[in-house]
Amino acid sequence: MSFLPVFIAQLATGSCGGSNCGPASVAMASHRAQRGVRPVGTTAWPPRPADIRRRIDPNGSCGGTSFEENAAAVLALYGVTLTPRYRLPWADYRTLLDAGRGAHTSILYSALRGTRWDSCPTFGGGHAIAVNDVAELGAGVAYPGSPAGTYARVGDPLADGRWLASIGRRALNGWQWWPESVLRDATGQRAGAGLVNASVTIDTEYPASVVIAGSGVNVRQSPAVTAARYGKSTQLADRDHLLGTRAAIRRLADGVNVLPIATRLPLIGWVTGGPWTVGSVTGNVWASVLIDGKPRYIAKALVR
């Protein structure tokens, strides 16, 4: 699991609480980017939405805030870098999350109407949330009675546990696991079907082992896309199911399927190498993993 930052609600953040979803979400994302460590020279920590709001508008107006305004504010206050991305394909958004980034993310709140994740039934407009990570969870883990599946861990600044008189229950309180389908629908209703508007942090997660994200992934002998390939993750034909799986790492030197791609590979470390591009995501950090007793290299966006 990824580092979990403090949860920050918006309604208790001062006179502009009703419109502080952006500052509250970027505060959570900033705390995550620092893995909870106070930046040198800061006075208030964890980040406070009121300070972020004041940096955006010293005159005290209470309008909505943009990704750019919030990113500029936390860079000035905490030295944290977030990168706004608009109409990002869902697959690329997932790649960013899987690569160890958090995201200040835009949704349409009406998409949550009638679900357990609706923490303000009288509101249905544009809203900002913090998305921390995505995980495969077993039955009953996300919430009581939840089915097994893919979930995103979300900090909704409106989920503060207050009583919701219009529907006779309390709002959820703190970080919650949302089904991936719920998050995808809510982001798509804001940015366009299958798209996401978000402002993402730097990579912050460093697991002890990784797994290849899917088939078609090149495994290199050194950290560069121009380097010789050791192997490639491949969907197998029926006759090739010697490993009891439909996908494996195929060693190119002799065509042998050496490992199922679901195998967790020992992580030697993260190394800086040549640039790579996966969809619209770019980077130069590679996972150094142990295969066949030697270091092999995979672009960070292609491991989880």
Protein backbone atom coordinates (compact mmCIF):
# COMPACT_ATOMS: atom_id res chain seq x y z
CA MET A 1 0.00 0.00 0.00
CA SER A 2 1.08 3.59 -0.66
CA PHE A 3 1.86 6.21 1.97
CA LEU A 4 -1.45 7.60 3.24
CA PRO A 5 -1.41 11.34 3.95
CA VAL A 6 -3.56 13.09 6.53
CA PHE A 7 -7.19 13.57 5.57
CA ILE A 8 -8.20 17.24 5.28
CA ALA A 9 -11.87 18.26 5.22
CA GLN A 10 -12.91 21.48 3.54
CA LEU A 11 -15.90 22.81 5.48
CA ALA A 12 -13.91 23.55 8.64
CA THR A 13 -11.20 25.52 6.85
CA GLY A 14 -12.51 29.07 7.41
CA SER A 15 -14.91 31.44 5.74
CA CYS A 16 -14.31 29.95 2.28
CA GLY A 17 -14.83 26.35 3.37
CA GLY A 18 -17.69 25.76 0.97
CA SER A 19 -15.41 26.40 -2.03
CA ASN A 20 -12.17 25.02 -0.59
CA CYS A 21 -12.32 21.59 -2.20
CA GLY A 22 -9.34 22.52 -4.40
CA PRO A 23 -7.10 23.80 -1.58
CA ALA A 24 -8.07 20.84 0.66
CA SER A 25 -7.37 18.29 -2.08
CA VAL A 26 -4.05 19.82 -3.07
CA ALA A 27 -3.10 19.97 0.63
CA MET A 28 -3.59 16.18 0.86
CA ALA A 29 -1.68 15.65 -2.38
CA SER A 30 1.17 17.83 -1.09
CA HIS A 31 1.39 15.92 2.18
CA ARG A 32 1.58 12.72 0.12
CA ALA A 33 4.26 14.13 -2.19
CA GLN A 34 6.41 14.82 0.89
CA ARG A 35 5.49 11.45 2.44
CA GLY A 36 4.50 13.45 5.52
CA VAL A 37 7.92 15.09 5.96
CA ARG A 38 7.80 18.82 6.75
CA PRO A 39 9.64 20.81 4.06
CA VAL A 40 12.52 22.91 5.32
CA GLY A 41 11.45 26.48 6.07
CA THR A 42 7.70 25.88 6.42
CA THR A 43 5.86 27.07 9.51
CA ALA A 44 2.51 25.26 9.24
CA TRP A 45 2.48 21.52 8.56
CA PRO A 46 0.53 19.50 7.42
CA PRO A 47 -0.59 21.89 4.65
CA ARG A 48 -3.58 24.08 5.51
CA PRO A 49 -6.27 24.93 2.93
CA ALA A 50 -6.66 28.42 4.44
CA ASP A 51 -2.97 29.16 3.77
CA ILE A 52 -3.26 27.85 0.21
CA ARG A 53 -6.42 29.93 -0.37
CA ARG A 54 -4.68 33.02 1.02
CA ARG A 55 -1.71 32.47 -1.29
CA ILE A 56 -4.05 32.19 -4.29
CA ASP A 57 -6.08 35.27 -3.38
CA PRO A 58 -4.78 37.55 -0.61
CA ASN A 59 -7.97 39.62 -0.92
CA GLY A 60 -10.07 36.82 0.56
CA SER A 61 -12.57 36.08 -2.21
CA CYS A 62 -14.22 32.66 -2.07
CA GLY A 63 -14.48 31.59 -5.71
CA GLY A 64 -13.41 28.30 -7.20
CA THR A 65 -9.72 27.61 -7.74
CA SER A 66 -7.89 26.09 -10.70
CA PHE A 67 -5.26 23.36 -10.87
CA GLU A 68 -2.70 25.97 -11.91
CA GLU A 69 -3.52 28.28 -9.00
CA ASN A 70 -3.32 25.47 -6.47
CA ALA A 71 -0.11 24.07 -7.97
CA ALA A 72 1.55 27.50 -7.90
CA ALA A 73 0.47 28.00 -4.29
CA VAL A 74 1.89 24.71 -2.94
CA LEU A 75 5.10 25.18 -4.93
CA ALA A 76 5.58 28.57 -3.26
CA LEU A 77 4.51 27.43 0.22
CA TYR A 78 5.99 23.93 0.43
CA GLY A 79 8.25 23.42 -2.59
CA VAL A 80 5.89 20.69 -3.85
CA THR A 81 5.54 20.20 -7.61
CA LEU A 82 2.24 19.10 -9.15
CA THR A 83 1.62 18.92 -12.89
CA PRO A 84 -1.86 19.74 -14.25
CA ARG A 85 -3.10 17.40 -16.98
CA TYR A 86 -6.33 17.91 -18.93
CA ARG A 87 -8.47 15.36 -20.79
CA LEU A 88 -6.02 12.64 -19.84
CA PRO A 89 -7.14 9.21 -21.11
CA TRP A 90 -8.20 6.97 -18.24
CA ALA A 91 -5.52 4.39 -19.07
CA ASP A 92 -2.82 7.06 -18.78
CA TYR A 93 -4.29 8.32 -15.49
CA ARG A 94 -4.14 4.78 -14.12
CA THR A 95 -0.55 4.48 -15.36
CA LEU A 96 0.37 7.60 -13.38
CA LEU A 97 -1.27 6.24 -10.22
CA ASP A 98 0.32 2.83 -10.69
CA ALA A 99 3.71 4.48 -11.20
CA GLY A 100 3.55 5.94 -7.69
CA ARG A 101 1.89 9.32 -8.15
CA GLY A 102 -0.99 10.89 -6.25
CA ALA A 103 -3.51 13.14 -7.98
CA HIS A 104 -5.59 16.21 -7.18
CA THR A 105 -8.53 15.19 -9.37
CA SER A 106 -11.69 16.84 -10.71
CA ILE A 107 -15.10 15.11 -10.67
CA LEU A 108 -18.76 15.97 -11.15
CA TYR A 109 -20.37 15.39 -7.78
CA SER A 110 -23.81 14.52 -9.15
CA ALA A 111 -22.25 11.27 -10.44
CA LEU A 112 -22.22 10.09 -6.80
CA ARG A 113 -25.92 10.70 -6.22
CA GLY A 114 -27.55 7.72 -4.55
CA THR A 115 -24.24 6.01 -3.71
CA ARG A 116 -22.62 5.54 -0.32
CA TRP A 117 -19.83 7.93 -1.42
CA ASP A 118 -22.20 10.93 -1.72
CA SER A 119 -21.27 13.16 1.22
CA CYS A 120 -23.30 16.20 0.10
CA PRO A 121 -26.68 15.25 -1.46
CA THR A 122 -27.62 18.92 -1.99
CA PHE A 123 -24.60 19.56 -4.23
CA GLY A 124 -23.98 18.25 -7.74
CA GLY A 125 -21.39 20.53 -9.34
CA GLY A 126 -17.70 20.35 -10.12
CA HIS A 127 -15.61 19.16 -7.21
CA ALA A 128 -12.00 18.34 -6.34
CA ILE A 129 -10.77 15.21 -4.55
CA ALA A 130 -7.40 13.67 -3.74
CA VAL A 131 -6.71 10.20 -5.19
CA ASN A 132 -3.93 8.39 -3.37
CA ASP A 133 -3.58 4.94 -4.92
CA VAL A 134 -5.35 2.02 -6.60
CA ALA A 135 -5.40 -1.54 -5.31
CA GLU A 136 -6.99 -4.94 -5.82
CA LEU A 137 -8.96 -5.66 -2.64
CA GLY A 138 -10.60 -8.79 -1.37
CA ALA A 139 -14.27 -9.06 -0.41
CA GLY A 140 -15.21 -6.96 2.62
CA VAL A 141 -11.97 -4.96 2.67
CA ALA A 142 -13.09 -1.67 1.08
CA TYR A 143 -16.18 -1.43 3.31
CA PRO A 144 -18.51 -3.93 5.03
CA GLY A 145 -20.03 -6.21 2.42
CA SER A 146 -17.91 -4.85 -0.45
CA PRO A 147 -17.18 -7.22 -3.34
CA ALA A 148 -13.65 -8.08 -4.37
CA GLY A 149 -12.36 -5.79 -7.10
CA THR A 150 -10.30 -2.76 -8.07
CA TYR A 151 -10.64 0.26 -5.77
CA ALA A 152 -9.17 3.75 -5.59
CA ARG A 153 -8.39 5.34 -2.24
CA VAL A 154 -10.02 8.77 -2.29
CA GLY A 155 -9.90 11.78 0.00
CA ASP A 156 -13.19 13.62 -0.61
CA PRO A 157 -12.93 16.91 1.33
CA LEU A 158 -16.72 16.75 1.92
CA ALA A 159 -16.46 13.37 3.71
CA ASP A 160 -16.26 14.81 7.22
CA GLY A 161 -18.78 12.65 9.08
CA ARG A 162 -21.43 15.39 9.51
CA TRP A 163 -25.14 14.56 9.67
CA LEU A 164 -26.87 14.69 6.26
CA ALA A 165 -30.43 15.63 7.15
CA SER A 166 -31.74 15.33 3.59
CA ILE A 167 -31.05 11.59 3.49
CA GLY A 168 -30.99 10.76 7.19
CA ARG A 169 -27.45 9.48 7.59
CA ARG A 170 -23.96 10.70 8.27
CA ALA A 171 -21.46 11.50 5.58
CA LEU A 172 -18.54 9.15 5.32
CA ASN A 173 -15.51 10.28 7.28
CA GLY A 174 -11.91 10.41 6.01
CA TRP A 175 -10.17 8.38 3.33
CA GLN A 176 -12.46 5.90 1.55
CA TRP A 177 -12.06 3.13 -1.02
CA TRP A 178 -14.18 3.90 -4.10
CA PRO A 179 -14.76 1.27 -6.79
CA GLU A 180 -12.65 2.15 -9.81
CA SER A 181 -15.84 2.26 -11.90
CA VAL A 182 -17.34 4.95 -9.63
CA LEU A 183 -14.23 7.13 -9.87
CA ARG A 184 -14.01 6.66 -13.64
CA ASP A 185 -17.65 7.66 -14.07
CA ALA A 186 -17.29 10.73 -11.84
CA THR A 187 -14.13 11.95 -13.60
CA GLY A 188 -15.62 11.22 -17.03
CA GLN A 189 -18.75 13.22 -16.32
CA ARG A 190 -16.48 16.18 -15.62
CA ALA A 191 -13.80 15.84 -18.32
CA GLY A 192 -15.56 13.71 -20.93
CA ALA A 193 -16.23 9.98 -21.11
CA GLY A 194 -13.02 8.01 -20.45
CA LEU A 195 -11.05 11.20 -19.67
CA VAL A 196 -9.67 12.80 -16.51
CA ASN A 197 -8.62 16.30 -15.45
CA ALA A 198 -6.02 16.02 -12.69
CA SER A 199 -2.88 17.55 -11.22
CA VAL A 200 -0.35 14.85 -10.36
CA THR A 201 2.50 14.60 -7.89
CA ILE A 202 5.98 13.25 -8.51
CA ASP A 203 6.62 9.50 -8.09
CA THR A 204 6.74 8.75 -4.37
CA GLU A 205 6.36 4.97 -3.97
CA TYR A 206 9.24 2.53 -3.77
CA PRO A 207 7.98 -1.08 -3.39
CA ALA A 208 10.26 -3.98 -2.47
CA SER A 209 8.97 -5.97 -5.44
CA VAL A 210 7.03 -5.21 -8.60
CA VAL A 211 4.91 -7.02 -11.14
CA ILE A 212 4.77 -6.33 -14.88
CA ALA A 213 1.60 -4.42 -15.79
CA GLY A 214 0.55 -6.61 -18.74
CA SER A 215 1.57 -8.15 -22.02
CA GLY A 216 3.70 -6.40 -24.63
CA VAL A 217 6.17 -4.99 -22.06
CA ASN A 218 9.84 -4.99 -23.05
CA VAL A 219 12.39 -6.12 -20.46
CA ARG A 220 15.75 -4.48 -21.26
CA GLN A 221 19.33 -5.38 -20.46
CA SER A 222 20.09 -1.76 -19.53
CA PRO A 223 17.81 1.21 -18.70
CA ALA A 224 17.15 2.65 -22.15
CA VAL A 225 14.62 2.02 -24.91
CA THR A 226 17.55 1.65 -27.30
CA ALA A 227 19.11 -1.12 -25.20
CA ALA A 228 19.04 -4.78 -26.18
CA ARG A 229 15.94 -6.62 -25.02
CA TYR A 230 16.26 -9.53 -22.62
CA GLY A 231 12.64 -10.51 -23.10
CA LYS A 232 9.04 -9.42 -23.50
CA SER A 233 5.81 -10.16 -21.66
CA THR A 234 3.63 -12.13 -24.05
CA GLN A 235 0.12 -13.56 -24.31
CA LEU A 236 0.58 -17.28 -24.86
CA ALA A 237 -1.12 -19.58 -27.33
CA ASP A 238 -2.88 -22.63 -25.86
CA ARG A 239 0.02 -24.92 -26.68
CA ASP A 240 2.41 -22.66 -24.76
CA HIS A 241 0.67 -22.86 -21.37
CA LEU A 242 3.56 -24.68 -19.75
CA LEU A 243 3.61 -22.19 -16.90
CA GLY A 244 -0.09 -22.56 -16.13
CA THR A 245 -0.77 -19.00 -17.24
CA ARG A 246 -1.86 -17.21 -20.38
CA ALA A 247 0.88 -14.60 -20.11
CA ALA A 248 4.59 -14.92 -19.42
CA ILE A 249 7.98 -13.29 -19.82
CA ARG A 250 9.48 -14.79 -22.96
CA ARG A 251 13.28 -14.79 -23.13
CA LEU A 252 14.19 -13.65 -26.64
CA ALA A 253 17.51 -15.50 -26.86
CA ASP A 254 15.86 -18.92 -26.99
CA GLY A 255 12.09 -18.30 -26.94
CA VAL A 256 11.68 -19.91 -23.50
CA ASN A 257 8.84 -18.65 -21.27
CA VAL A 258 10.74 -18.05 -18.05
CA LEU A 259 8.14 -16.56 -15.65
CA PRO A 260 4.40 -15.86 -15.47
CA ILE A 261 3.98 -12.09 -15.68
CA ALA A 262 1.99 -12.13 -12.43
CA THR A 263 5.19 -13.12 -10.59
CA ARG A 264 6.42 -10.46 -8.17
CA LEU A 265 9.96 -9.62 -9.20
CA PRO A 266 12.58 -8.64 -6.58
CA LEU A 267 13.25 -4.93 -6.92
CA ILE A 268 16.95 -4.09 -6.83
CA GLY A 269 16.17 -0.39 -6.99
CA TRP A 270 15.04 2.53 -9.15
CA VAL A 271 17.58 3.91 -11.61
CA THR A 272 17.66 6.96 -13.85
CA GLY A 273 18.19 6.02 -17.48
CA GLY A 274 17.07 6.93 -20.95
CA PRO A 275 13.69 8.57 -21.58
CA TRP A 276 10.60 6.44 -22.21
CA THR A 277 7.02 7.19 -23.24
CA VAL A 278 3.97 5.11 -22.28
CA GLY A 279 0.83 6.56 -23.84
CA SER A 280 1.02 10.25 -22.93
CA VAL A 281 3.18 9.59 -19.85
CA THR A 282 6.93 10.22 -20.08
CA GLY A 283 9.78 9.60 -17.66
CA ASN A 284 13.33 8.33 -17.25
CA VAL A 285 13.07 6.17 -14.12
CA TRP A 286 13.45 2.41 -14.58
CA ALA A 287 12.81 -0.51 -12.27
CA SER A 288 15.90 -2.67 -11.88
CA VAL A 289 14.59 -6.21 -11.23
CA LEU A 290 16.24 -9.57 -10.76
CA ILE A 291 15.49 -12.08 -13.54
CA ASP A 292 17.67 -15.09 -14.35
CA GLY A 293 20.05 -13.97 -11.59
CA LYS A 294 20.90 -10.66 -13.28
CA PRO A 295 19.55 -7.08 -13.23
CA ARG A 296 16.97 -6.37 -15.97
CA TYR A 297 15.20 -3.08 -16.59
CA ILE A 298 11.57 -2.07 -17.11
CA ALA A 299 10.16 1.46 -17.49
CA LYS A 300 8.57 2.46 -14.19
CA ALA A 301 5.17 3.15 -15.76
CA LEU A 302 4.99 -0.52 -16.83
CA VAL A 303 5.35 -2.10 -13.38
CA ARG A 304 3.06 -2.08 -10.36
